[in-house]
N, C-alpha and C. Protein backbone atom coordinates (compact mmCIF):
# COMPACT_ATOMS: atom_id res chain seq x y z
N MET A 1 0.81 -1.19 0.00
CA MET A 1 0.00 0.00 0.00
C MET A 1 0.86 1.26 0.00
N VAL A 2 1.93 1.25 0.77
CA VAL A 2 2.80 2.42 0.85
C VAL A 2 3.41 2.71 -0.52
N ALA A 3 3.86 1.67 -1.22
CA ALA A 3 4.45 1.86 -2.55
C ALA A 3 3.42 2.45 -3.52
N ASP A 4 2.18 1.93 -3.47
CA ASP A 4 1.12 2.48 -4.32
C ASP A 4 0.88 3.95 -4.01
N LEU A 5 0.82 4.28 -2.73
CA LEU A 5 0.59 5.67 -2.35
C LEU A 5 1.73 6.57 -2.81
N GLU A 6 2.96 6.11 -2.63
CA GLU A 6 4.11 6.92 -3.04
C GLU A 6 4.16 7.08 -4.56
N GLN A 7 3.86 6.02 -5.28
CA GLN A 7 4.00 6.04 -6.73
C GLN A 7 2.80 6.68 -7.44
N HIS A 8 1.58 6.40 -6.96
CA HIS A 8 0.39 6.83 -7.68
C HIS A 8 -0.50 7.81 -6.91
N GLY A 9 -0.22 8.00 -5.63
CA GLY A 9 -1.06 8.89 -4.83
C GLY A 9 -2.33 8.24 -4.34
N LYS A 10 -2.55 6.97 -4.66
CA LYS A 10 -3.70 6.22 -4.18
C LYS A 10 -3.37 4.74 -4.22
N VAL A 11 -4.16 3.96 -3.53
CA VAL A 11 -3.95 2.51 -3.49
C VAL A 11 -4.74 1.87 -4.63
N SER A 12 -4.08 1.01 -5.41
CA SER A 12 -4.74 0.27 -6.49
C SER A 12 -5.41 -0.95 -5.91
N ARG A 13 -6.67 -1.11 -6.22
CA ARG A 13 -7.44 -2.26 -5.73
C ARG A 13 -8.05 -3.00 -6.91
N GLY A 14 -8.09 -4.32 -6.81
CA GLY A 14 -8.67 -5.13 -7.87
C GLY A 14 -10.19 -5.06 -7.88
N TYR A 15 -10.76 -5.36 -9.06
CA TYR A 15 -12.21 -5.23 -9.28
C TYR A 15 -12.60 -6.18 -10.40
N LEU A 16 -13.68 -6.93 -10.21
CA LEU A 16 -14.18 -7.82 -11.25
C LEU A 16 -15.41 -7.29 -11.96
N GLY A 17 -16.13 -6.37 -11.34
CA GLY A 17 -17.33 -5.82 -11.98
C GLY A 17 -18.52 -6.76 -11.92
N ILE A 18 -18.69 -7.44 -10.79
CA ILE A 18 -19.82 -8.36 -10.64
C ILE A 18 -20.56 -8.06 -9.35
N GLU A 19 -21.82 -8.49 -9.30
CA GLU A 19 -22.60 -8.47 -8.07
C GLU A 19 -22.92 -9.91 -7.75
N VAL A 20 -22.88 -10.24 -6.46
CA VAL A 20 -23.07 -11.63 -6.06
C VAL A 20 -24.09 -11.76 -4.94
N GLN A 21 -24.55 -12.98 -4.77
CA GLN A 21 -25.48 -13.32 -3.70
C GLN A 21 -24.87 -14.47 -2.92
N THR A 22 -25.08 -14.46 -1.61
CA THR A 22 -24.61 -15.54 -0.75
C THR A 22 -25.25 -16.85 -1.17
N MET A 23 -24.47 -17.89 -1.19
CA MET A 23 -24.97 -19.23 -1.53
C MET A 23 -25.64 -19.82 -0.28
N THR A 24 -26.91 -20.12 -0.39
CA THR A 24 -27.66 -20.74 0.71
C THR A 24 -27.76 -22.24 0.45
N PRO A 25 -28.14 -23.01 1.45
CA PRO A 25 -28.32 -24.44 1.20
C PRO A 25 -29.33 -24.73 0.07
N ALA A 26 -30.41 -23.95 0.01
CA ALA A 26 -31.41 -24.17 -1.05
C ALA A 26 -30.82 -23.86 -2.42
N LEU A 27 -30.06 -22.77 -2.54
CA LEU A 27 -29.41 -22.46 -3.82
C LEU A 27 -28.37 -23.51 -4.17
N ALA A 28 -27.63 -23.98 -3.17
CA ALA A 28 -26.60 -25.00 -3.42
C ALA A 28 -27.24 -26.28 -3.97
N ARG A 29 -28.38 -26.68 -3.41
CA ARG A 29 -29.08 -27.87 -3.91
C ARG A 29 -29.52 -27.65 -5.36
N ALA A 30 -30.08 -26.47 -5.64
CA ALA A 30 -30.61 -26.20 -6.98
C ALA A 30 -29.51 -26.02 -8.01
N LEU A 31 -28.44 -25.34 -7.65
CA LEU A 31 -27.41 -24.98 -8.64
C LEU A 31 -26.21 -25.92 -8.67
N LEU A 32 -25.88 -26.48 -7.51
CA LEU A 32 -24.69 -27.32 -7.42
C LEU A 32 -25.02 -28.80 -7.24
N GLY A 33 -26.28 -29.10 -6.92
CA GLY A 33 -26.65 -30.48 -6.64
C GLY A 33 -26.03 -30.96 -5.35
N ASP A 34 -25.80 -30.05 -4.42
CA ASP A 34 -25.09 -30.35 -3.18
C ASP A 34 -25.74 -29.54 -2.06
N ASN A 35 -25.81 -30.13 -0.88
CA ASN A 35 -26.39 -29.40 0.26
C ASN A 35 -25.39 -28.47 0.92
N ALA A 36 -24.11 -28.62 0.61
CA ALA A 36 -23.08 -27.78 1.23
C ALA A 36 -22.85 -26.53 0.39
N PRO A 37 -23.29 -25.38 0.90
CA PRO A 37 -23.08 -24.15 0.13
C PRO A 37 -21.60 -23.86 -0.08
N LYS A 38 -21.25 -23.52 -1.31
CA LYS A 38 -19.88 -23.08 -1.59
C LYS A 38 -19.96 -22.12 -2.76
N GLY A 39 -19.04 -21.18 -2.79
CA GLY A 39 -19.03 -20.19 -3.85
C GLY A 39 -20.09 -19.13 -3.64
N VAL A 40 -20.29 -18.32 -4.69
CA VAL A 40 -21.28 -17.25 -4.69
C VAL A 40 -22.03 -17.28 -6.01
N LEU A 41 -23.29 -16.92 -5.98
CA LEU A 41 -24.09 -16.82 -7.18
C LEU A 41 -23.89 -15.44 -7.79
N ILE A 42 -23.47 -15.37 -9.03
CA ILE A 42 -23.31 -14.08 -9.71
C ILE A 42 -24.68 -13.63 -10.17
N THR A 43 -25.10 -12.46 -9.69
CA THR A 43 -26.44 -11.96 -10.03
C THR A 43 -26.40 -10.88 -11.10
N ALA A 44 -25.24 -10.25 -11.31
CA ALA A 44 -25.12 -9.22 -12.35
C ALA A 44 -23.65 -9.08 -12.73
N VAL A 45 -23.43 -8.77 -14.00
CA VAL A 45 -22.08 -8.50 -14.52
C VAL A 45 -22.13 -7.15 -15.21
N ASP A 46 -21.26 -6.24 -14.79
CA ASP A 46 -21.19 -4.91 -15.41
C ASP A 46 -20.79 -5.09 -16.87
N PRO A 47 -21.64 -4.65 -17.82
CA PRO A 47 -21.31 -4.87 -19.24
C PRO A 47 -20.05 -4.16 -19.69
N GLN A 48 -19.61 -3.13 -18.96
CA GLN A 48 -18.35 -2.46 -19.29
C GLN A 48 -17.23 -2.87 -18.32
N GLY A 49 -17.52 -3.80 -17.42
CA GLY A 49 -16.54 -4.20 -16.42
C GLY A 49 -15.54 -5.21 -16.95
N PRO A 50 -14.52 -5.51 -16.17
CA PRO A 50 -13.47 -6.42 -16.61
C PRO A 50 -13.91 -7.87 -16.80
N SER A 51 -15.03 -8.27 -16.20
CA SER A 51 -15.50 -9.65 -16.33
C SER A 51 -16.53 -9.85 -17.43
N ALA A 52 -16.90 -8.76 -18.10
CA ALA A 52 -17.89 -8.87 -19.18
C ALA A 52 -17.38 -9.86 -20.22
N GLY A 53 -18.20 -10.82 -20.58
CA GLY A 53 -17.80 -11.82 -21.56
C GLY A 53 -17.17 -13.06 -20.95
N ALA A 54 -16.62 -12.93 -19.76
CA ALA A 54 -16.00 -14.08 -19.10
C ALA A 54 -16.95 -14.72 -18.10
N LEU A 55 -17.65 -13.89 -17.35
CA LEU A 55 -18.59 -14.37 -16.35
C LEU A 55 -20.01 -14.00 -16.77
N LEU A 56 -20.96 -14.81 -16.35
CA LEU A 56 -22.37 -14.58 -16.68
C LEU A 56 -23.19 -14.53 -15.41
N ALA A 57 -24.23 -13.71 -15.43
CA ALA A 57 -25.21 -13.79 -14.34
C ALA A 57 -25.74 -15.21 -14.37
N SER A 58 -25.87 -15.82 -13.23
CA SER A 58 -26.29 -17.22 -13.00
C SER A 58 -25.10 -18.16 -12.87
N ASP A 59 -23.87 -17.71 -13.18
CA ASP A 59 -22.70 -18.54 -12.87
C ASP A 59 -22.55 -18.62 -11.36
N VAL A 60 -21.99 -19.73 -10.89
CA VAL A 60 -21.59 -19.84 -9.49
C VAL A 60 -20.07 -19.73 -9.48
N LEU A 61 -19.57 -18.65 -8.90
CA LEU A 61 -18.13 -18.43 -8.80
C LEU A 61 -17.62 -19.22 -7.60
N LEU A 62 -16.74 -20.19 -7.87
CA LEU A 62 -16.25 -21.08 -6.82
C LEU A 62 -14.90 -20.64 -6.27
N SER A 63 -14.03 -20.10 -7.16
CA SER A 63 -12.72 -19.67 -6.70
C SER A 63 -12.19 -18.57 -7.62
N VAL A 64 -11.28 -17.78 -7.05
CA VAL A 64 -10.57 -16.74 -7.80
C VAL A 64 -9.10 -16.88 -7.44
N ASP A 65 -8.26 -17.03 -8.46
CA ASP A 65 -6.82 -17.17 -8.25
C ASP A 65 -6.52 -18.31 -7.28
N SER A 66 -7.20 -19.44 -7.47
CA SER A 66 -7.04 -20.67 -6.68
C SER A 66 -7.53 -20.54 -5.25
N LYS A 67 -8.19 -19.44 -4.90
CA LYS A 67 -8.71 -19.27 -3.54
C LYS A 67 -10.22 -19.47 -3.57
N PRO A 68 -10.73 -20.47 -2.82
CA PRO A 68 -12.18 -20.65 -2.75
C PRO A 68 -12.82 -19.36 -2.21
N VAL A 69 -13.99 -19.00 -2.72
CA VAL A 69 -14.63 -17.76 -2.29
C VAL A 69 -16.03 -17.99 -1.76
N GLU A 70 -16.40 -17.15 -0.84
CA GLU A 70 -17.75 -17.04 -0.31
C GLU A 70 -18.07 -15.56 -0.30
N ALA A 71 -19.34 -15.21 -0.15
CA ALA A 71 -19.74 -13.80 -0.19
C ALA A 71 -19.00 -12.98 0.86
N SER A 72 -18.74 -13.57 2.02
CA SER A 72 -18.09 -12.82 3.10
C SER A 72 -16.64 -12.48 2.83
N ASP A 73 -15.97 -13.22 1.94
CA ASP A 73 -14.54 -12.95 1.72
C ASP A 73 -14.18 -12.60 0.27
N LEU A 74 -15.14 -12.65 -0.64
CA LEU A 74 -14.82 -12.38 -2.04
C LEU A 74 -14.21 -11.00 -2.22
N GLY A 75 -14.80 -9.99 -1.60
CA GLY A 75 -14.27 -8.64 -1.72
C GLY A 75 -12.82 -8.54 -1.28
N LYS A 76 -12.47 -9.20 -0.18
CA LYS A 76 -11.10 -9.17 0.33
C LYS A 76 -10.13 -9.84 -0.64
N VAL A 77 -10.58 -10.93 -1.24
CA VAL A 77 -9.74 -11.65 -2.20
C VAL A 77 -9.48 -10.78 -3.43
N VAL A 78 -10.54 -10.17 -3.97
CA VAL A 78 -10.43 -9.43 -5.23
C VAL A 78 -9.66 -8.12 -5.06
N VAL A 79 -9.93 -7.35 -3.99
CA VAL A 79 -9.24 -6.06 -3.86
C VAL A 79 -7.74 -6.21 -3.68
N ARG A 80 -7.30 -7.38 -3.25
CA ARG A 80 -5.86 -7.60 -3.08
C ARG A 80 -5.15 -7.97 -4.39
N LEU A 81 -5.92 -8.23 -5.44
CA LEU A 81 -5.32 -8.56 -6.73
C LEU A 81 -4.87 -7.28 -7.43
N GLN A 82 -3.78 -7.38 -8.16
CA GLN A 82 -3.23 -6.23 -8.87
C GLN A 82 -4.04 -5.94 -10.14
N PRO A 83 -4.59 -4.74 -10.27
CA PRO A 83 -5.31 -4.40 -11.50
C PRO A 83 -4.43 -4.60 -12.73
N GLY A 84 -5.04 -5.12 -13.79
CA GLY A 84 -4.32 -5.33 -15.04
C GLY A 84 -3.83 -6.75 -15.25
N ILE A 85 -3.86 -7.57 -14.20
CA ILE A 85 -3.40 -8.95 -14.37
C ILE A 85 -4.58 -9.85 -14.71
N SER A 86 -4.29 -11.04 -15.16
CA SER A 86 -5.31 -12.06 -15.39
C SER A 86 -5.09 -13.18 -14.38
N VAL A 87 -6.19 -13.68 -13.85
CA VAL A 87 -6.14 -14.82 -12.92
C VAL A 87 -7.17 -15.83 -13.39
N LEU A 88 -7.04 -17.04 -12.92
CA LEU A 88 -8.04 -18.06 -13.26
C LEU A 88 -9.13 -18.07 -12.21
N GLY A 89 -10.35 -18.14 -12.69
CA GLY A 89 -11.50 -18.32 -11.82
C GLY A 89 -12.12 -19.66 -12.13
N SER A 90 -12.76 -20.22 -11.14
CA SER A 90 -13.48 -21.48 -11.34
C SER A 90 -14.95 -21.18 -11.17
N VAL A 91 -15.75 -21.56 -12.17
CA VAL A 91 -17.20 -21.32 -12.11
C VAL A 91 -17.94 -22.60 -12.45
N MET A 92 -19.14 -22.70 -11.89
CA MET A 92 -20.04 -23.74 -12.34
C MET A 92 -21.06 -23.04 -13.22
N ARG A 93 -21.14 -23.50 -14.46
CA ARG A 93 -22.07 -22.92 -15.44
C ARG A 93 -22.85 -24.08 -16.06
N ASN A 94 -24.15 -24.04 -15.90
CA ASN A 94 -25.01 -25.09 -16.46
C ASN A 94 -24.59 -26.49 -16.02
N GLY A 95 -24.19 -26.61 -14.75
CA GLY A 95 -23.83 -27.91 -14.20
C GLY A 95 -22.42 -28.38 -14.50
N VAL A 96 -21.62 -27.56 -15.19
CA VAL A 96 -20.26 -27.93 -15.55
C VAL A 96 -19.27 -26.96 -14.90
N VAL A 97 -18.23 -27.50 -14.27
CA VAL A 97 -17.21 -26.64 -13.67
C VAL A 97 -16.20 -26.26 -14.76
N LEU A 98 -15.98 -24.94 -14.90
CA LEU A 98 -15.08 -24.41 -15.92
C LEU A 98 -14.00 -23.56 -15.29
N SER A 99 -12.82 -23.54 -15.89
CA SER A 99 -11.78 -22.58 -15.54
C SER A 99 -11.91 -21.41 -16.51
N VAL A 100 -12.00 -20.21 -15.96
CA VAL A 100 -12.24 -19.03 -16.77
C VAL A 100 -11.17 -18.00 -16.48
N PRO A 101 -10.47 -17.48 -17.52
CA PRO A 101 -9.51 -16.40 -17.26
C PRO A 101 -10.26 -15.12 -16.93
N LEU A 102 -9.86 -14.47 -15.85
CA LEU A 102 -10.50 -13.23 -15.40
C LEU A 102 -9.50 -12.10 -15.44
N LEU A 103 -9.85 -11.02 -16.12
CA LEU A 103 -9.05 -9.82 -16.11
C LEU A 103 -9.43 -9.03 -14.86
N VAL A 104 -8.44 -8.63 -14.10
CA VAL A 104 -8.68 -7.83 -12.90
C VAL A 104 -8.62 -6.37 -13.29
N GLY A 105 -9.70 -5.65 -13.03
CA GLY A 105 -9.74 -4.22 -13.32
C GLY A 105 -9.37 -3.40 -12.11
N GLN A 106 -9.39 -2.08 -12.28
CA GLN A 106 -9.12 -1.14 -11.20
C GLN A 106 -10.44 -0.81 -10.51
N LEU A 107 -10.50 -0.99 -9.20
CA LEU A 107 -11.70 -0.63 -8.45
C LEU A 107 -11.99 0.84 -8.67
N PRO A 108 -13.19 1.17 -9.19
CA PRO A 108 -13.49 2.58 -9.46
C PRO A 108 -13.56 3.39 -8.17
N ASP A 109 -13.28 4.68 -8.29
CA ASP A 109 -13.46 5.57 -7.16
C ASP A 109 -14.93 5.63 -6.81
N PRO A 110 -15.27 5.83 -5.53
CA PRO A 110 -16.69 5.92 -5.18
C PRO A 110 -17.31 7.13 -5.87
N PRO A 111 -18.63 7.05 -6.12
CA PRO A 111 -19.28 8.19 -6.76
C PRO A 111 -19.20 9.41 -5.86
N PRO A 112 -19.25 10.60 -6.46
CA PRO A 112 -19.18 11.80 -5.64
C PRO A 112 -20.38 11.88 -4.69
N ASP A 113 -20.19 12.56 -3.61
CA ASP A 113 -21.25 12.75 -2.63
C ASP A 113 -22.41 13.49 -3.29
N PRO A 114 -23.64 12.92 -3.26
CA PRO A 114 -24.77 13.59 -3.91
C PRO A 114 -25.03 14.98 -3.33
N MET A 115 -24.59 15.22 -2.11
CA MET A 115 -24.76 16.55 -1.52
C MET A 115 -23.98 17.59 -2.30
N HIS A 116 -22.87 17.17 -2.95
CA HIS A 116 -22.04 18.10 -3.70
C HIS A 116 -22.38 18.15 -5.18
N SER A 117 -23.18 17.20 -5.65
CA SER A 117 -23.51 17.18 -7.07
C SER A 117 -24.89 17.74 -7.35
N GLY A 118 -25.58 18.21 -6.31
CA GLY A 118 -26.88 18.83 -6.52
C GLY A 118 -28.05 17.88 -6.45
N ASP A 119 -27.84 16.58 -6.34
CA ASP A 119 -28.93 15.62 -6.28
C ASP A 119 -29.07 15.12 -4.86
N ARG A 120 -29.53 15.97 -3.97
CA ARG A 120 -29.59 15.60 -2.56
C ARG A 120 -30.90 14.89 -2.24
N ASP A 121 -30.87 14.11 -1.19
CA ASP A 121 -32.07 13.44 -0.71
C ASP A 121 -33.06 14.47 -0.20
N VAL A 122 -34.33 14.14 -0.36
CA VAL A 122 -35.39 14.99 0.16
C VAL A 122 -36.21 14.16 1.14
N TRP A 123 -36.42 14.68 2.34
CA TRP A 123 -37.20 13.97 3.35
C TRP A 123 -38.67 14.30 3.14
N VAL A 124 -39.52 13.26 3.09
CA VAL A 124 -40.97 13.44 2.93
C VAL A 124 -41.61 13.05 4.26
N PRO A 125 -41.89 14.05 5.12
CA PRO A 125 -42.38 13.74 6.47
C PRO A 125 -43.66 12.91 6.50
N SER A 126 -44.60 13.19 5.61
CA SER A 126 -45.87 12.47 5.65
C SER A 126 -45.70 10.98 5.34
N LEU A 127 -44.67 10.64 4.60
CA LEU A 127 -44.40 9.24 4.28
C LEU A 127 -43.30 8.64 5.14
N GLU A 128 -42.62 9.49 5.91
CA GLU A 128 -41.50 9.10 6.75
C GLU A 128 -40.41 8.38 5.97
N LEU A 129 -40.05 8.98 4.83
CA LEU A 129 -38.96 8.42 4.05
C LEU A 129 -38.24 9.51 3.27
N GLY A 130 -37.01 9.19 2.86
CA GLY A 130 -36.22 10.09 2.03
C GLY A 130 -36.20 9.56 0.61
N VAL A 131 -36.20 10.48 -0.36
CA VAL A 131 -36.16 10.09 -1.77
C VAL A 131 -35.12 10.93 -2.50
N ALA A 132 -34.67 10.44 -3.63
CA ALA A 132 -33.76 11.18 -4.50
C ALA A 132 -34.11 10.82 -5.94
N SER A 133 -33.73 11.69 -6.85
CA SER A 133 -33.95 11.40 -8.26
C SER A 133 -33.09 10.22 -8.67
N THR A 134 -33.62 9.41 -9.58
CA THR A 134 -32.83 8.29 -10.08
C THR A 134 -31.88 8.79 -11.16
N THR A 135 -30.89 7.96 -11.42
CA THR A 135 -29.95 8.22 -12.52
C THR A 135 -30.10 7.09 -13.52
N GLU A 136 -29.51 7.26 -14.67
CA GLU A 136 -29.54 6.19 -15.68
C GLU A 136 -28.96 4.90 -15.12
N ASP A 137 -27.84 5.01 -14.36
CA ASP A 137 -27.21 3.82 -13.79
C ASP A 137 -28.13 3.12 -12.79
N ILE A 138 -28.82 3.91 -11.95
CA ILE A 138 -29.74 3.32 -10.98
C ILE A 138 -30.88 2.62 -11.70
N ARG A 139 -31.46 3.27 -12.72
CA ARG A 139 -32.56 2.65 -13.46
C ARG A 139 -32.11 1.37 -14.15
N LYS A 140 -30.86 1.36 -14.67
CA LYS A 140 -30.32 0.15 -15.30
C LYS A 140 -30.20 -0.97 -14.27
N ALA A 141 -29.66 -0.63 -13.08
CA ALA A 141 -29.47 -1.63 -12.03
C ALA A 141 -30.80 -2.20 -11.56
N LEU A 142 -31.85 -1.38 -11.59
CA LEU A 142 -33.18 -1.82 -11.16
C LEU A 142 -33.98 -2.45 -12.30
N LYS A 143 -33.32 -2.70 -13.43
CA LYS A 143 -33.95 -3.29 -14.61
C LYS A 143 -35.11 -2.41 -15.10
N ALA A 144 -34.92 -1.07 -15.03
CA ALA A 144 -35.93 -0.12 -15.49
C ALA A 144 -35.28 0.89 -16.43
N ALA A 145 -34.36 0.43 -17.26
CA ALA A 145 -33.59 1.32 -18.13
C ALA A 145 -34.47 2.09 -19.10
N ASP A 146 -35.65 1.54 -19.44
CA ASP A 146 -36.52 2.23 -20.39
C ASP A 146 -37.31 3.38 -19.76
N GLU A 147 -37.26 3.49 -18.43
CA GLU A 147 -37.92 4.61 -17.76
C GLU A 147 -37.09 5.87 -17.97
N THR A 148 -37.75 7.03 -17.96
CA THR A 148 -37.03 8.28 -18.20
C THR A 148 -36.77 9.09 -16.94
N GLY A 149 -37.31 8.68 -15.83
CA GLY A 149 -37.11 9.44 -14.59
C GLY A 149 -37.58 8.62 -13.42
N GLY A 150 -37.91 9.31 -12.35
CA GLY A 150 -38.42 8.62 -11.18
C GLY A 150 -37.63 8.95 -9.94
N LEU A 151 -38.10 8.41 -8.83
CA LEU A 151 -37.46 8.60 -7.54
C LEU A 151 -37.06 7.26 -6.98
N ILE A 152 -36.06 7.30 -6.13
CA ILE A 152 -35.65 6.09 -5.42
C ILE A 152 -35.69 6.40 -3.94
N VAL A 153 -36.17 5.44 -3.15
CA VAL A 153 -36.23 5.62 -1.71
C VAL A 153 -34.82 5.43 -1.17
N THR A 154 -34.35 6.41 -0.38
CA THR A 154 -32.99 6.36 0.15
C THR A 154 -32.95 6.16 1.65
N THR A 155 -34.03 6.53 2.34
CA THR A 155 -34.07 6.42 3.80
C THR A 155 -35.49 6.10 4.22
N ILE A 156 -35.61 5.20 5.18
CA ILE A 156 -36.93 4.89 5.74
C ILE A 156 -36.82 5.08 7.24
N ALA A 157 -37.78 5.82 7.82
CA ALA A 157 -37.78 6.02 9.26
C ALA A 157 -38.09 4.71 9.95
N GLN A 158 -37.41 4.48 11.06
CA GLN A 158 -37.71 3.28 11.82
C GLN A 158 -39.04 3.47 12.52
N MET A 159 -39.87 2.46 12.44
CA MET A 159 -41.16 2.53 13.12
C MET A 159 -40.94 2.34 14.61
N GLU A 160 -41.72 3.05 15.40
CA GLU A 160 -41.66 2.84 16.84
C GLU A 160 -42.22 1.46 17.14
N ARG A 161 -41.69 0.81 18.15
CA ARG A 161 -42.08 -0.56 18.47
C ARG A 161 -43.58 -0.70 18.66
N GLU A 162 -44.22 0.30 19.28
CA GLU A 162 -45.65 0.22 19.55
C GLU A 162 -46.46 0.19 18.26
N ARG A 163 -45.90 0.68 17.17
CA ARG A 163 -46.64 0.75 15.92
C ARG A 163 -46.41 -0.45 15.03
N TRP A 164 -45.52 -1.35 15.42
CA TRP A 164 -45.26 -2.53 14.59
C TRP A 164 -46.47 -3.44 14.63
N PRO A 165 -46.87 -3.98 13.49
CA PRO A 165 -47.96 -4.94 13.50
C PRO A 165 -47.52 -6.22 14.22
N VAL A 166 -48.47 -6.81 14.91
CA VAL A 166 -48.13 -8.04 15.66
C VAL A 166 -48.74 -9.24 14.99
């Protein structure tokens, strides 16, 4: 990390450009034919990300760079990889285990604070929630890319215990 900071002014972190879901026993039975959960279910692949074309939504990612992965440790495994290198991943796709070369990308910088970009959350007291305008990226992620606008809920007030339905 010190060398990265001295040389580039920031730390380089690996990135695959995927979203995953924890493997549950029910998913393991359905996807792996096994009651022992292992790996992670890939739920989305960034079409411009480093894994586009190599990994598919519905793949079960079993290992990265020979290290078995689970949802709780995948991020730690990937961020430690050097951006720009290729590593082997193991996936189960359609019931077959495959070795897949994975290009490691550079973890993108976090998006700017919406408070500084003019798209701040608005609190709606009567509904007890906060909303913000959606962006094209948010609509794409929500599978609503054909929509032209809308709001997304960003905050929900916690209900008081006495008001919870029993």
